[in-house]
């Protein structure tokens, strides 16, 4: 998939385009991408960075990083994605200006969207305007019960099976492995200390079963209360893995939530519980 950061970086050719954040690239987003691909035109996406609500001064917990969003969009069969910087200048563009600059200039013939799609300054642009401007519009129905906000709610509950059904894949933690306390190694279960993008949504604290790098992974998300921790840590233990992960990007799937964090009467009790968590992780099954 070609990635562009300005309309001039894309050749003018007959295109079907989908416009939106597409945070999470969930099943509803995937339906939009399939509709674009099925037109037979060059399937193209316009997405934004940062999130428009962030520019407006709001905090948004994202489901995917931009890097992962682009990877997932590429997997849908889209040919090109234009990452538009969501700036105050872009926000002030009238709908007609946006259509000329970002659509007509790259050859867009068909716009794929939901019936509530809005664009341009003060969100005044809609599908009817696009049709008046000469674009063909394909309206894609919503997938019932699937939305980025519903995914975030599922993460807050720690309900990974519900989240996976909405995403069409397990939820992923995406970050860089950094140095940690190295306490896991002394317990017999060396973990990676994952530093995700601070803007990403974090699932409910607890112990999870999942996978990374083709290995099952037992994942601790929380503050390590047994050791009196206060900062959030994300620590996957990759079963049957040996190797140095420091400094590497690591994408960890979360399959199921095993239990809450806990304080134990002794370190041996903690080790015994970790062993049970590892057994449960080894027996876990990818949800989709």
Protein backbone atom coordinates (compact mmCIF):
# COMPACT_ATOMS: atom_id res chain seq x y z
CA UNK A 1 0.00 0.00 0.00
CA UNK A 2 1.29 3.46 -0.92
CA UNK A 3 1.34 5.97 1.94
CA UNK A 4 1.16 9.67 1.10
CA UNK A 5 1.11 12.78 3.27
CA UNK A 6 -0.16 15.29 0.70
CA UNK A 7 -2.52 15.01 -2.29
CA UNK A 8 0.32 15.89 -4.65
CA UNK A 9 2.05 12.64 -3.67
CA UNK A 10 -0.74 10.59 -5.27
CA UNK A 11 -1.22 10.38 -9.05
CA UNK A 12 -4.57 11.49 -10.42
CA UNK A 13 -6.48 8.35 -11.38
CA UNK A 14 -10.04 7.01 -10.98
CA UNK A 15 -10.42 6.37 -7.26
CA UNK A 16 -12.97 5.19 -4.72
CA UNK A 17 -12.23 6.83 -1.41
CA UNK A 18 -13.11 6.34 2.25
CA UNK A 19 -12.54 9.26 4.63
CA UNK A 20 -12.22 9.03 8.41
CA UNK A 21 -10.03 8.26 11.42
CA UNK A 22 -10.69 4.51 11.21
CA UNK A 23 -9.19 4.11 14.68
CA UNK A 24 -8.94 0.40 15.37
CA UNK A 25 -9.89 -0.57 11.79
CA UNK A 26 -12.77 -2.54 13.30
CA UNK A 27 -15.34 -4.62 11.41
CA UNK A 28 -17.39 -1.54 10.51
CA UNK A 29 -14.34 0.13 9.01
CA UNK A 30 -13.44 -3.08 7.20
CA UNK A 31 -16.89 -3.12 5.56
CA UNK A 32 -16.20 0.38 4.20
CA UNK A 33 -12.82 -0.74 2.82
CA UNK A 34 -14.39 -3.78 1.13
CA UNK A 35 -16.95 -1.53 -0.54
CA UNK A 36 -14.14 0.68 -1.86
CA UNK A 37 -12.17 -2.30 -3.17
CA UNK A 38 -15.30 -3.80 -4.77
CA UNK A 39 -15.81 -0.73 -6.98
CA UNK A 40 -12.84 -1.83 -9.10
CA UNK A 41 -11.39 1.67 -8.86
CA UNK A 42 -8.17 2.45 -7.01
CA UNK A 43 -9.31 1.96 -3.40
CA UNK A 44 -7.94 4.85 -1.35
CA UNK A 45 -8.26 6.09 2.23
CA UNK A 46 -7.90 9.55 3.73
CA UNK A 47 -7.15 9.35 7.43
CA UNK A 48 -6.04 12.01 9.87
CA UNK A 49 -3.20 12.54 12.32
CA UNK A 50 -3.59 13.57 15.07
CA UNK A 51 -7.17 12.71 15.99
CA UNK A 52 -9.42 15.73 15.29
CA UNK A 53 -10.75 15.72 18.86
CA UNK A 54 -7.18 16.06 20.16
CA UNK A 55 -6.72 19.20 18.07
CA UNK A 56 -9.94 20.52 19.64
CA UNK A 57 -8.40 20.06 23.09
CA UNK A 58 -9.95 16.73 24.10
CA UNK A 59 -8.21 13.60 25.32
CA UNK A 60 -8.74 10.54 23.15
CA UNK A 61 -7.62 7.01 24.01
CA UNK A 62 -6.71 5.52 20.66
CA UNK A 63 -7.20 1.85 19.82
CA UNK A 64 -4.25 1.69 17.42
CA UNK A 65 -1.13 3.69 16.74
CA UNK A 66 -0.88 5.36 13.35
CA UNK A 67 1.74 2.78 12.34
CA UNK A 68 -0.57 -0.12 13.19
CA UNK A 69 -3.60 1.61 11.64
CA UNK A 70 -1.74 1.87 8.34
CA UNK A 71 -0.66 -1.78 8.52
CA UNK A 72 -4.25 -2.87 9.11
CA UNK A 73 -5.59 -0.66 6.32
CA UNK A 74 -3.07 -2.23 3.98
CA UNK A 75 -4.35 -5.68 4.91
CA UNK A 76 -7.85 -4.76 3.69
CA UNK A 77 -6.66 -4.45 0.09
CA UNK A 78 -6.61 -0.65 -0.04
CA UNK A 79 -4.09 0.60 -2.63
CA UNK A 80 -3.19 3.95 -1.06
CA UNK A 81 -3.69 5.93 2.13
CA UNK A 82 -3.31 9.68 2.41
CA UNK A 83 -2.44 10.70 5.98
CA UNK A 84 -3.71 14.25 6.24
CA UNK A 85 -2.30 16.36 9.04
CA UNK A 86 -5.32 17.58 11.00
CA UNK A 87 -4.27 21.18 11.48
CA UNK A 88 -6.27 24.35 12.21
CA UNK A 89 -5.85 25.19 8.51
CA UNK A 90 -7.41 21.90 7.44
CA UNK A 91 -10.17 22.35 10.00
CA UNK A 92 -11.08 25.73 8.47
CA UNK A 93 -11.39 24.41 4.89
CA UNK A 94 -14.90 24.81 3.54
CA UNK A 95 -16.40 21.52 2.31
CA UNK A 96 -16.08 22.59 -1.33
CA UNK A 97 -12.39 23.46 -0.80
CA UNK A 98 -11.74 20.11 0.87
CA UNK A 99 -13.43 18.28 -1.99
CA UNK A 100 -11.35 20.08 -4.62
CA UNK A 101 -8.04 19.80 -2.75
CA UNK A 102 -8.27 16.26 -1.38
CA UNK A 103 -10.72 14.50 -3.71
CA UNK A 104 -10.89 16.01 -7.18
CA UNK A 105 -7.12 16.58 -7.28
CA UNK A 106 -6.39 12.85 -6.97
CA UNK A 107 -9.13 11.66 -9.31
CA UNK A 108 -11.80 10.55 -6.84
CA UNK A 109 -15.00 9.40 -8.54
CA UNK A 110 -16.73 7.54 -5.72
CA UNK A 111 -16.91 8.38 -2.01
CA UNK A 112 -17.67 5.53 0.41
CA UNK A 113 -19.24 6.63 3.69
CA UNK A 114 -21.96 6.12 6.27
CA UNK A 115 -25.15 8.16 6.12
CA UNK A 116 -24.00 10.40 8.99
CA UNK A 117 -20.74 11.38 7.27
CA UNK A 118 -19.78 15.05 7.69
CA UNK A 119 -16.69 16.96 6.59
CA UNK A 120 -15.25 20.42 6.15
CA UNK A 121 -15.43 23.54 8.31
CA UNK A 122 -18.08 23.26 11.04
CA UNK A 123 -18.88 19.82 9.59
CA UNK A 124 -21.14 21.47 7.01
CA UNK A 125 -20.31 19.04 4.20
CA UNK A 126 -22.43 15.92 3.73
CA UNK A 127 -23.20 13.24 1.15
CA UNK A 128 -25.77 15.40 -0.62
CA UNK A 129 -23.15 18.10 -1.17
CA UNK A 130 -20.71 15.57 -2.60
CA UNK A 131 -23.36 14.42 -5.07
CA UNK A 132 -24.03 18.02 -6.10
CA UNK A 133 -20.29 18.39 -6.69
CA UNK A 134 -20.39 15.47 -9.12
CA UNK A 135 -19.12 12.59 -6.98
CA UNK A 136 -20.91 9.27 -6.80
CA UNK A 137 -21.68 8.27 -3.24
CA UNK A 138 -21.96 4.74 -1.85
CA UNK A 139 -23.53 4.54 1.61
CA UNK A 140 -22.33 1.61 3.75
CA UNK A 141 -24.63 0.51 6.60
CA UNK A 142 -23.21 0.43 10.11
CA UNK A 143 -22.29 -2.95 11.57
CA UNK A 144 -24.63 -3.32 14.54
CA UNK A 145 -22.96 -2.94 17.91
CA UNK A 146 -19.55 -2.10 16.46
CA UNK A 147 -17.89 1.26 17.04
CA UNK A 148 -14.60 2.62 18.31
CA UNK A 149 -16.31 3.84 21.50
CA UNK A 150 -17.78 0.37 22.10
CA UNK A 151 -14.31 -1.14 21.67
CA UNK A 152 -12.95 1.27 24.31
CA UNK A 153 -15.79 0.30 26.65
CA UNK A 154 -14.95 -3.38 26.17
CA UNK A 155 -11.31 -2.68 26.99
CA UNK A 156 -12.30 -0.85 30.16
CA UNK A 157 -14.25 -3.96 31.19
CA UNK A 158 -11.42 -6.29 30.22
CA UNK A 159 -13.83 -8.27 28.01
CA UNK A 160 -11.40 -9.34 25.32
CA UNK A 161 -13.79 -11.71 23.53
CA UNK A 162 -16.28 -8.87 22.95
CA UNK A 163 -13.46 -6.60 21.78
CA UNK A 164 -12.15 -9.28 19.42
CA UNK A 165 -15.60 -9.76 17.88
CA UNK A 166 -15.83 -6.04 17.14
CA UNK A 167 -12.29 -5.77 15.78
CA UNK A 168 -12.34 -9.03 13.84
CA UNK A 169 -9.06 -9.91 15.58
CA UNK A 170 -7.67 -9.84 19.14
CA UNK A 171 -6.85 -6.49 20.71
CA UNK A 172 -3.16 -5.62 20.49
CA UNK A 173 -0.72 -3.83 22.75
CA UNK A 174 1.83 -2.07 20.56
CA UNK A 175 5.03 -0.59 21.94
CA UNK A 176 8.76 -0.72 22.45
CA UNK A 177 10.51 -3.03 24.91
CA UNK A 178 12.44 -1.01 27.49
CA UNK A 179 14.44 -1.84 30.60
CA UNK A 180 12.36 -2.76 33.64
CA UNK A 181 12.93 -3.97 37.19
CA UNK A 182 14.11 -7.38 35.89
CA UNK A 183 12.21 -8.91 38.78
CA UNK A 184 10.54 -11.52 36.58
CA UNK A 185 13.82 -13.21 35.81
CA UNK A 186 14.55 -13.76 39.49
CA UNK A 187 11.13 -15.42 39.82
CA UNK A 188 11.82 -17.74 36.90
CA UNK A 189 9.56 -15.90 34.44
CA UNK A 190 11.52 -13.20 32.60
CA UNK A 191 9.18 -10.58 31.20
CA UNK A 192 9.56 -7.81 28.64
CA UNK A 193 8.70 -4.33 29.87
CA UNK A 194 6.52 -2.84 27.14
CA UNK A 195 6.28 0.94 26.77
CA UNK A 196 3.23 1.64 24.57
CA UNK A 197 2.32 4.95 23.02
CA UNK A 198 0.83 7.00 25.89
CA UNK A 199 -2.20 7.93 23.75
CA UNK A 200 -3.33 4.29 23.43
CA UNK A 201 -6.27 2.87 25.37
CA UNK A 202 -5.23 0.48 28.14
CA UNK A 203 -7.34 -2.55 29.07
CA UNK A 204 -8.57 -3.04 32.62
CA UNK A 205 -5.68 -3.93 34.91
CA UNK A 206 -5.13 -7.64 35.44
CA UNK A 207 -3.42 -10.74 34.10
CA UNK A 208 -4.13 -11.76 30.51
CA UNK A 209 -3.38 -14.64 28.17
CA UNK A 210 -2.32 -13.74 24.67
CA UNK A 211 0.49 -14.08 22.16
CA UNK A 212 3.48 -12.33 20.62
CA UNK A 213 6.06 -13.34 18.02
CA UNK A 214 4.29 -16.66 17.50
CA UNK A 215 4.45 -17.59 21.21
CA UNK A 216 1.74 -17.71 23.83
CA UNK A 217 2.24 -14.85 26.29
CA UNK A 218 1.09 -14.28 29.87
CA UNK A 219 0.69 -10.51 30.25
CA UNK A 220 0.55 -8.46 33.43
CA UNK A 221 -1.06 -5.03 33.11
CA UNK A 222 -1.09 -2.90 36.23
CA UNK A 223 1.03 -1.58 39.08
CA UNK A 224 2.55 -4.77 40.56
CA UNK A 225 0.71 -4.29 43.87
CA UNK A 226 2.56 -7.20 45.50
CA UNK A 227 5.69 -5.03 45.35
CA UNK A 228 3.93 -1.80 46.22
CA UNK A 229 4.15 -0.39 42.71
CA UNK A 230 2.33 2.79 41.70
CA UNK A 231 3.19 3.21 38.01
CA UNK A 232 1.41 1.27 35.29
CA UNK A 233 3.51 -1.55 33.84
CA UNK A 234 2.78 -3.82 30.89
CA UNK A 235 4.88 -6.97 31.17
CA UNK A 236 4.43 -9.90 28.77
CA UNK A 237 6.13 -13.22 29.46
CA UNK A 238 6.58 -15.07 26.16
CA UNK A 239 6.34 -18.81 26.74
CA UNK A 240 9.20 -20.89 25.34
CA UNK A 241 10.92 -17.82 23.93
CA UNK A 242 14.57 -16.97 24.26
CA UNK A 243 16.15 -13.83 22.88
CA UNK A 244 16.84 -10.18 23.56
CA UNK A 245 13.87 -7.91 22.86
CA UNK A 246 15.26 -4.65 24.25
CA UNK A 247 14.68 -1.71 21.93
CA UNK A 248 12.41 -3.69 19.61
CA UNK A 249 8.83 -2.96 18.67
CA UNK A 250 6.57 -5.66 20.08
CA UNK A 251 2.90 -6.23 19.20
CA UNK A 252 1.14 -8.38 21.82
CA UNK A 253 -2.31 -9.87 21.26
CA UNK A 254 -4.60 -10.17 24.29
CA UNK A 255 -6.90 -13.19 24.09
CA UNK A 256 -8.57 -13.45 27.49
CA UNK A 257 -8.43 -11.90 30.96
CA UNK A 258 -7.36 -14.46 33.55
CA UNK A 259 -7.66 -12.60 36.84
CA UNK A 260 -7.22 -9.39 38.82
CA UNK A 261 -3.89 -8.23 40.16
CA UNK A 262 -3.29 -9.35 43.74
CA UNK A 263 -1.04 -9.04 46.76
CA UNK A 264 0.23 -12.42 47.98
CA UNK A 265 1.20 -13.62 51.45
CA UNK A 266 4.66 -14.62 50.24
CA UNK A 267 6.84 -14.55 47.17
CA UNK A 268 6.41 -18.31 46.85
CA UNK A 269 2.64 -17.85 46.69
CA UNK A 270 3.21 -15.33 43.88
CA UNK A 271 5.45 -17.78 42.00
CA UNK A 272 2.83 -20.53 42.39
CA UNK A 273 0.15 -18.25 40.98
CA UNK A 274 2.34 -17.23 38.05
CA UNK A 275 2.81 -20.93 37.28
CA UNK A 276 -0.97 -21.36 37.19
CA UNK A 277 -1.27 -18.29 34.95
CA UNK A 278 1.30 -19.75 32.58
CA UNK A 279 -0.59 -23.05 32.44
CA UNK A 280 -3.83 -21.19 31.69
CA UNK A 281 -2.05 -19.16 29.03
CA UNK A 282 -0.65 -22.27 27.38
CA UNK A 283 -4.18 -23.71 27.19
CA UNK A 284 -5.75 -20.48 25.88
CA UNK A 285 -7.14 -20.19 22.37
CA UNK A 286 -7.10 -17.20 20.03
CA UNK A 287 -10.64 -15.74 20.06
CA UNK A 288 -11.00 -15.14 16.31
